[in-house]
C-alpha atoms as a PDB file:
ATOM      1  CA  UNK A   1     -17.484  21.684 -24.029  1.00  0.00           C
ATOM      2  CA  UNK A   2     -16.225  21.575 -20.450  1.00  0.00           C
ATOM      3  CA  UNK A   3     -17.488  22.953 -17.170  1.00  0.00           C
ATOM      4  CA  UNK A   4     -15.725  25.844 -15.433  1.00  0.00           C
ATOM      5  CA  UNK A   5     -16.142  27.394 -12.000  1.00  0.00           C
ATOM      6  CA  UNK A   6     -16.654  31.102 -11.286  1.00  0.00           C
ATOM      7  CA  UNK A   7     -17.335  33.100  -8.174  1.00  0.00           C
ATOM      8  CA  UNK A   8     -16.142  35.470  -5.499  1.00  0.00           C
ATOM      9  CA  UNK A   9     -14.786  35.395  -1.986  1.00  0.00           C
ATOM     10  CA  UNK A  10     -16.938  37.540   0.303  1.00  0.00           C
ATOM     11  CA  UNK A  11     -16.350  38.722   3.854  1.00  0.00           C
ATOM     12  CA  UNK A  12     -18.186  40.560   6.589  1.00  0.00           C
ATOM     13  CA  UNK A  13     -17.365  42.008   9.978  1.00  0.00           C
ATOM     14  CA  UNK A  14     -18.485  39.310  12.388  1.00  0.00           C
ATOM     15  CA  UNK A  15     -16.712  40.816  15.369  1.00  0.00           C
ATOM     16  CA  UNK A  16     -17.782  43.733  17.543  1.00  0.00           C
ATOM     17  CA  UNK A  17     -20.925  44.444  15.514  1.00  0.00           C
ATOM     18  CA  UNK A  18     -24.580  43.719  16.190  1.00  0.00           C
ATOM     19  CA  UNK A  19     -26.252  41.310  13.771  1.00  0.00           C
ATOM     20  CA  UNK A  20     -28.173  44.075  12.024  1.00  0.00           C
ATOM     21  CA  UNK A  21     -24.931  45.955  11.348  1.00  0.00           C
ATOM     22  CA  UNK A  22     -23.235  43.039   9.646  1.00  0.00           C
ATOM     23  CA  UNK A  23     -23.205  42.984   5.855  1.00  0.00           C
ATOM     24  CA  UNK A  24     -21.222  41.065   3.281  1.00  0.00           C
ATOM     25  CA  UNK A  25     -18.656  42.699   1.014  1.00  0.00           C
ATOM     26  CA  UNK A  26     -16.795  41.538  -2.052  1.00  0.00           C
ATOM     27  CA  UNK A  27     -13.277  40.310  -1.328  1.00  0.00           C
ATOM     28  CA  UNK A  28     -11.754  39.044  -4.585  1.00  0.00           C
ATOM     29  CA  UNK A  29     -12.868  37.371  -7.793  1.00  0.00           C
ATOM     30  CA  UNK A  30     -12.169  33.635  -7.855  1.00  0.00           C
ATOM     31  CA  UNK A  31     -10.732  33.927 -11.371  1.00  0.00           C
ATOM     32  CA  UNK A  32      -7.739  35.792  -9.902  1.00  0.00           C
ATOM     33  CA  UNK A  33      -6.887  32.834  -7.655  1.00  0.00           C
ATOM     34  CA  UNK A  34      -8.018  29.634  -9.364  1.00  0.00           C
ATOM     35  CA  UNK A  35      -7.577  28.855 -13.032  1.00  0.00           C
ATOM     36  CA  UNK A  36      -8.091  25.103 -13.119  1.00  0.00           C
ATOM     37  CA  UNK A  37     -10.718  22.619 -14.204  1.00  0.00           C
ATOM     38  CA  UNK A  38     -10.755  19.578 -11.949  1.00  0.00           C
ATOM     39  CA  UNK A  39     -14.042  17.713 -12.019  1.00  0.00           C
ATOM     40  CA  UNK A  40     -12.960  15.625  -9.051  1.00  0.00           C
ATOM     41  CA  UNK A  41     -12.408  18.797  -7.037  1.00  0.00           C
ATOM     42  CA  UNK A  42     -15.692  20.293  -8.247  1.00  0.00           C
ATOM     43  CA  UNK A  43     -17.419  17.118  -7.107  1.00  0.00           C
ATOM     44  CA  UNK A  44     -15.711  16.872  -3.714  1.00  0.00           C
ATOM     45  CA  UNK A  45     -16.533  20.500  -2.929  1.00  0.00           C
ATOM     46  CA  UNK A  46     -19.862  21.181  -4.636  1.00  0.00           C
ATOM     47  CA  UNK A  47     -21.149  17.935  -6.187  1.00  0.00           C
ATOM     48  CA  UNK A  48     -20.636  19.143  -9.764  1.00  0.00           C
ATOM     49  CA  UNK A  49     -19.576  16.692 -12.498  1.00  0.00           C
ATOM     50  CA  UNK A  50     -18.615  14.033  -9.926  1.00  0.00           C
ATOM     51  CA  UNK A  51     -21.016  13.392  -7.067  1.00  0.00           C
ATOM     52  CA  UNK A  52     -20.161   9.716  -6.496  1.00  0.00           C
ATOM     53  CA  UNK A  53     -16.552   9.817  -5.274  1.00  0.00           C
ATOM     54  CA  UNK A  54     -17.138  12.000  -2.208  1.00  0.00           C
ATOM     55  CA  UNK A  55     -20.017  13.436  -0.235  1.00  0.00           C
ATOM     56  CA  UNK A  56     -19.956  17.040  -1.474  1.00  0.00           C
ATOM     57  CA  UNK A  57     -19.251  19.644   1.185  1.00  0.00           C
ATOM     58  CA  UNK A  58     -21.723  22.229  -0.119  1.00  0.00           C
ATOM     59  CA  UNK A  59     -23.893  20.952  -2.976  1.00  0.00           C
ATOM     60  CA  UNK A  60     -26.364  23.155  -4.839  1.00  0.00           C
ATOM     61  CA  UNK A  61     -27.160  25.660  -2.080  1.00  0.00           C
ATOM     62  CA  UNK A  62     -27.949  28.434  -4.531  1.00  0.00           C
ATOM     63  CA  UNK A  63     -26.766  31.984  -4.051  1.00  0.00           C
ATOM     64  CA  UNK A  64     -26.878  33.180  -0.428  1.00  0.00           C
ATOM     65  CA  UNK A  65     -29.976  35.308   0.255  1.00  0.00           C
ATOM     66  CA  UNK A  66     -27.675  38.132   1.373  1.00  0.00           C
ATOM     67  CA  UNK A  67     -25.178  37.736  -1.471  1.00  0.00           C
ATOM     68  CA  UNK A  68     -23.246  40.874  -2.404  1.00  0.00           C
ATOM     69  CA  UNK A  69     -24.385  42.981  -5.314  1.00  0.00           C
ATOM     70  CA  UNK A  70     -21.069  42.329  -7.094  1.00  0.00           C
ATOM     71  CA  UNK A  71     -21.550  38.575  -6.897  1.00  0.00           C
ATOM     72  CA  UNK A  72     -25.170  38.730  -8.057  1.00  0.00           C
ATOM     73  CA  UNK A  73     -24.297  40.963 -10.987  1.00  0.00           C
ATOM     74  CA  UNK A  74     -21.412  38.710 -11.964  1.00  0.00           C
ATOM     75  CA  UNK A  75     -23.673  35.646 -11.737  1.00  0.00           C
ATOM     76  CA  UNK A  76     -26.459  37.261 -13.757  1.00  0.00           C
ATOM     77  CA  UNK A  77     -23.938  38.372 -16.379  1.00  0.00           C
ATOM     78  CA  UNK A  78     -23.591  34.769 -17.553  1.00  0.00           C
ATOM     79  CA  UNK A  79     -26.133  33.520 -20.074  1.00  0.00           C
ATOM     80  CA  UNK A  80     -25.954  29.918 -18.863  1.00  0.00           C
ATOM     81  CA  UNK A  81     -25.111  28.992 -15.279  1.00  0.00           C
ATOM     82  CA  UNK A  82     -25.963  26.163 -12.898  1.00  0.00           C
ATOM     83  CA  UNK A  83     -25.213  24.678  -9.488  1.00  0.00           C
ATOM     84  CA  UNK A  84     -24.677  27.947  -7.625  1.00  0.00           C
ATOM     85  CA  UNK A  85     -23.528  27.375  -4.055  1.00  0.00           C
ATOM     86  CA  UNK A  86     -21.427  28.779  -1.225  1.00  0.00           C
ATOM     87  CA  UNK A  87     -19.292  27.590   1.673  1.00  0.00           C
ATOM     88  CA  UNK A  88     -17.742  29.355   4.663  1.00  0.00           C
ATOM     89  CA  UNK A  89     -14.164  29.134   5.798  1.00  0.00           C
ATOM     90  CA  UNK A  90     -15.446  27.572   9.027  1.00  0.00           C
ATOM     91  CA  UNK A  91     -16.980  24.704   7.027  1.00  0.00           C
ATOM     92  CA  UNK A  92     -13.829  24.220   4.992  1.00  0.00           C
ATOM     93  CA  UNK A  93     -11.717  24.065   8.144  1.00  0.00           C
ATOM     94  CA  UNK A  94     -14.072  21.509   9.702  1.00  0.00           C
ATOM     95  CA  UNK A  95     -14.096  19.209   6.647  1.00  0.00           C
ATOM     96  CA  UNK A  96     -12.434  15.792   6.836  1.00  0.00           C
ATOM     97  CA  UNK A  97      -9.712  16.260   4.239  1.00  0.00           C
ATOM     98  CA  UNK A  98      -8.308  12.795   4.911  1.00  0.00           C
ATOM     99  CA  UNK A  99     -11.594  11.115   3.950  1.00  0.00           C
ATOM    100  CA  UNK A 100     -11.011   8.493   1.263  1.00  0.00           C
ATOM    101  CA  UNK A 101     -13.061   8.364  -1.910  1.00  0.00           C
ATOM    102  CA  UNK A 102     -15.934   5.914  -2.143  1.00  0.00           C
ATOM    103  CA  UNK A 103     -14.469   4.394  -5.302  1.00  0.00           C
ATOM    104  CA  UNK A 104     -11.048   3.169  -6.329  1.00  0.00           C
ATOM    105  CA  UNK A 105      -9.350   5.685  -8.586  1.00  0.00           C
ATOM    106  CA  UNK A 106      -8.801   4.595 -12.153  1.00  0.00           C
ATOM    107  CA  UNK A 107      -5.492   6.475 -12.212  1.00  0.00           C
ATOM    108  CA  UNK A 108      -2.323   5.211 -10.577  1.00  0.00           C
ATOM    109  CA  UNK A 109      -1.077   7.369  -7.694  1.00  0.00           C
ATOM    110  CA  UNK A 110       2.568   8.187  -7.196  1.00  0.00           C
ATOM    111  CA  UNK A 111       4.262   8.443  -3.801  1.00  0.00           C
ATOM    112  CA  UNK A 112       7.779   9.424  -2.799  1.00  0.00           C
ATOM    113  CA  UNK A 113       9.766   8.979   0.371  1.00  0.00           C
ATOM    114  CA  UNK A 114       9.529  11.866   2.804  1.00  0.00           C
ATOM    115  CA  UNK A 115      12.239  13.024   5.177  1.00  0.00           C
ATOM    116  CA  UNK A 116      10.946  10.592   7.815  1.00  0.00           C
ATOM    117  CA  UNK A 117      10.940   7.678   5.376  1.00  0.00           C
ATOM    118  CA  UNK A 118       7.151   7.544   5.036  1.00  0.00           C
ATOM    119  CA  UNK A 119       5.424   7.489   1.665  1.00  0.00           C
ATOM    120  CA  UNK A 120       4.003  10.897   0.747  1.00  0.00           C
ATOM    121  CA  UNK A 121       1.544  11.575  -2.109  1.00  0.00           C
ATOM    122  CA  UNK A 122       3.256  13.104  -5.108  1.00  0.00           C
ATOM    123  CA  UNK A 123       0.413  13.158  -7.647  1.00  0.00           C
ATOM    124  CA  UNK A 124      -1.211  11.057 -10.322  1.00  0.00           C
ATOM    125  CA  UNK A 125      -0.226  10.687 -13.968  1.00  0.00           C
ATOM    126  CA  UNK A 126       3.031  12.457 -13.084  1.00  0.00           C
ATOM    127  CA  UNK A 127       5.604   9.907 -14.318  1.00  0.00           C
ATOM    128  CA  UNK A 128       3.863   7.966 -17.052  1.00  0.00           C
ATOM    129  CA  UNK A 129       6.998   6.903 -18.894  1.00  0.00           C
ATOM    130  CA  UNK A 130       8.614   5.554 -15.732  1.00  0.00           C
ATOM    131  CA  UNK A 131       5.377   3.866 -14.657  1.00  0.00           C
ATOM    132  CA  UNK A 132       5.272   2.076 -18.004  1.00  0.00           C
ATOM    133  CA  UNK A 133       8.787   0.764 -17.424  1.00  0.00           C
ATOM    134  CA  UNK A 134       8.226  -0.294 -13.796  1.00  0.00           C
ATOM    135  CA  UNK A 135       4.792  -1.852 -14.294  1.00  0.00           C
ATOM    136  CA  UNK A 136       5.541  -3.614 -17.552  1.00  0.00           C
ATOM    137  CA  UNK A 137       2.122  -2.579 -18.859  1.00  0.00           C
ATOM    138  CA  UNK A 138       2.041  -2.028 -22.597  1.00  0.00           C
ATOM    139  CA  UNK A 139      -1.625  -1.508 -23.395  1.00  0.00           C
ATOM    140  CA  UNK A 140      -2.192   2.298 -23.542  1.00  0.00           C
ATOM    141  CA  UNK A 141      -5.602   1.836 -21.906  1.00  0.00           C
ATOM    142  CA  UNK A 142      -4.033   0.050 -18.942  1.00  0.00           C
ATOM    143  CA  UNK A 143      -1.347   2.696 -18.594  1.00  0.00           C
ATOM    144  CA  UNK A 144      -3.947   5.481 -18.572  1.00  0.00           C
ATOM    145  CA  UNK A 145      -6.436   3.748 -16.241  1.00  0.00           C
ATOM    146  CA  UNK A 146      -4.778   0.835 -14.454  1.00  0.00           C
ATOM    147  CA  UNK A 147      -7.362   1.020 -11.665  1.00  0.00           C
ATOM    148  CA  UNK A 148      -9.848  -0.582 -14.041  1.00  0.00           C
ATOM    149  CA  UNK A 149      -7.787  -3.736 -14.429  1.00  0.00           C
ATOM    150  CA  UNK A 150      -5.778  -4.004 -11.189  1.00  0.00           C
ATOM    151  CA  UNK A 151      -7.251  -4.405  -7.684  1.00  0.00           C
ATOM    152  CA  UNK A 152      -7.009  -1.795  -4.962  1.00  0.00           C
ATOM    153  CA  UNK A 153      -3.672  -1.971  -3.162  1.00  0.00           C
ATOM    154  CA  UNK A 154      -1.645  -3.092  -6.184  1.00  0.00           C
ATOM    155  CA  UNK A 155       1.812  -1.515  -5.939  1.00  0.00           C
ATOM    156  CA  UNK A 156       4.869  -1.088  -8.115  1.00  0.00           C
ATOM    157  CA  UNK A 157       7.986   0.036  -6.241  1.00  0.00           C
ATOM    158  CA  UNK A 158      10.892   1.854  -7.824  1.00  0.00           C
ATOM    159  CA  UNK A 159      13.438   2.796  -5.191  1.00  0.00           C
ATOM    160  CA  UNK A 160      12.166   5.863  -3.353  1.00  0.00           C
ATOM    161  CA  UNK A 161       9.195   6.007  -5.699  1.00  0.00           C
ATOM    162  CA  UNK A 162       5.964   4.037  -5.382  1.00  0.00           C
ATOM    163  CA  UNK A 163       3.023   3.614  -7.744  1.00  0.00           C
ATOM    164  CA  UNK A 164      -0.200   2.416  -6.119  1.00  0.00           C
ATOM    165  CA  UNK A 165      -3.811   1.699  -7.042  1.00  0.00           C
ATOM    166  CA  UNK A 166      -6.066   3.112  -4.341  1.00  0.00           C
ATOM    167  CA  UNK A 167      -8.623   5.637  -3.209  1.00  0.00           C
ATOM    168  CA  UNK A 168      -7.576   9.277  -3.202  1.00  0.00           C
ATOM    169  CA  UNK A 169      -8.372  11.472  -0.221  1.00  0.00           C
ATOM    170  CA  UNK A 170     -10.417  14.626  -0.435  1.00  0.00           C
ATOM    171  CA  UNK A 171      -7.178  16.572   0.084  1.00  0.00           C
ATOM    172  CA  UNK A 172      -5.577  14.856  -2.895  1.00  0.00           C
ATOM    173  CA  UNK A 173      -8.388  15.656  -5.326  1.00  0.00           C
ATOM    174  CA  UNK A 174      -8.767  19.267  -4.148  1.00  0.00           C
ATOM    175  CA  UNK A 175      -5.134  19.860  -4.960  1.00  0.00           C
ATOM    176  CA  UNK A 176      -3.075  22.419  -3.088  1.00  0.00           C
ATOM    177  CA  UNK A 177      -1.392  23.423  -6.345  1.00  0.00           C
ATOM    178  CA  UNK A 178      -4.691  24.770  -7.674  1.00  0.00           C
ATOM    179  CA  UNK A 179      -6.706  25.659  -4.577  1.00  0.00           C
ATOM    180  CA  UNK A 180      -3.899  26.798  -2.279  1.00  0.00           C
ATOM    181  CA  UNK A 181      -4.184  30.489  -3.260  1.00  0.00           C
ATOM    182  CA  UNK A 182      -7.951  30.405  -2.603  1.00  0.00           C
ATOM    183  CA  UNK A 183      -7.489  28.900   0.842  1.00  0.00           C
ATOM    184  CA  UNK A 184      -4.655  31.335   1.639  1.00  0.00           C
ATOM    185  CA  UNK A 185      -6.825  34.381   0.919  1.00  0.00           C
ATOM    186  CA  UNK A 186      -9.798  32.977   2.822  1.00  0.00           C
ATOM    187  CA  UNK A 187      -7.597  32.107   5.790  1.00  0.00           C
ATOM    188  CA  UNK A 188      -6.075  35.588   5.858  1.00  0.00           C
ATOM    189  CA  UNK A 189      -9.491  37.237   5.733  1.00  0.00           C
ATOM    190  CA  UNK A 190     -10.772  34.883   8.435  1.00  0.00           C
ATOM    191  CA  UNK A 191      -7.999  36.111  10.704  1.00  0.00           C
ATOM    192  CA  UNK A 192      -9.654  39.525  10.523  1.00  0.00           C
ATOM    193  CA  UNK A 193     -13.342  38.746  10.049  1.00  0.00           C
ATOM    194  CA  UNK A 194     -13.691  35.360  11.762  1.00  0.00           C
ATOM    195  CA  UNK A 195     -14.172  31.912  10.199  1.00  0.00           C
ATOM    196  CA  UNK A 196     -17.919  32.412   9.728  1.00  0.00           C
ATOM    197  CA  UNK A 197     -17.297  35.853   8.256  1.00  0.00           C
ATOM    198  CA  UNK A 198     -15.614  34.581   5.092  1.00  0.00           C
ATOM    199  CA  UNK A 199     -17.298  32.543   2.372  1.00  0.00           C
ATOM    200  CA  UNK A 200     -16.743  31.389  -1.177  1.00  0.00           C
ATOM    201  CA  UNK A 201     -19.705  31.914  -3.513  1.00  0.00           C
ATOM    202  CA  UNK A 202     -19.552  29.922  -6.750  1.00  0.00           C
ATOM    203  CA  UNK A 203     -21.447  28.922  -9.860  1.00  0.00           C
ATOM    204  CA  UNK A 204     -20.634  26.873 -12.950  1.00  0.00           C
ATOM    205  CA  UNK A 205     -21.071  27.256 -16.692  1.00  0.00           C
ATOM    206  CA  UNK A 206     -21.924  24.556 -19.251  1.00  0.00           C
END
């Protein structure tokens, strides 16, 4: 059984109000914005299922003491939960998204030429059939995890396509395709409430 993430985006009026007048309110349920299961992303953000590749941004903080009633009720509605935590938009903005992982990735990473001619990340495990042809690897285990058998920096070029063994960045493992909608909502709310006035509260099951 796998591990899934749940939670809510919360916001509060940080501007124009005295501290005692500020309170957190529910923004939107995370399930409406993120429907993935990336253990590398869970690890890079919250230290869940993969705490070795990156220093987690917000590991195991628990629920905020002033968490909204909606979030607490949603959290308590699960029979088994763990690793509750939270992170503000200010912290997410300040994170080093270009930080490289501590370990070489077992997967091969694909790059393609950008408009300026530079190599741009395209994904991993995205062109397996072509990688098999270009690399000449035939063992299914090598094709699935070539980082186990080839040193960091090994490259296979195929015109405007490049396959490389290396260390992914935090930005690459917390993929825009999955997390982009979450960041877009938090950024929009931060434009109204301030960067410290928007936070993501999460917990995990199984």
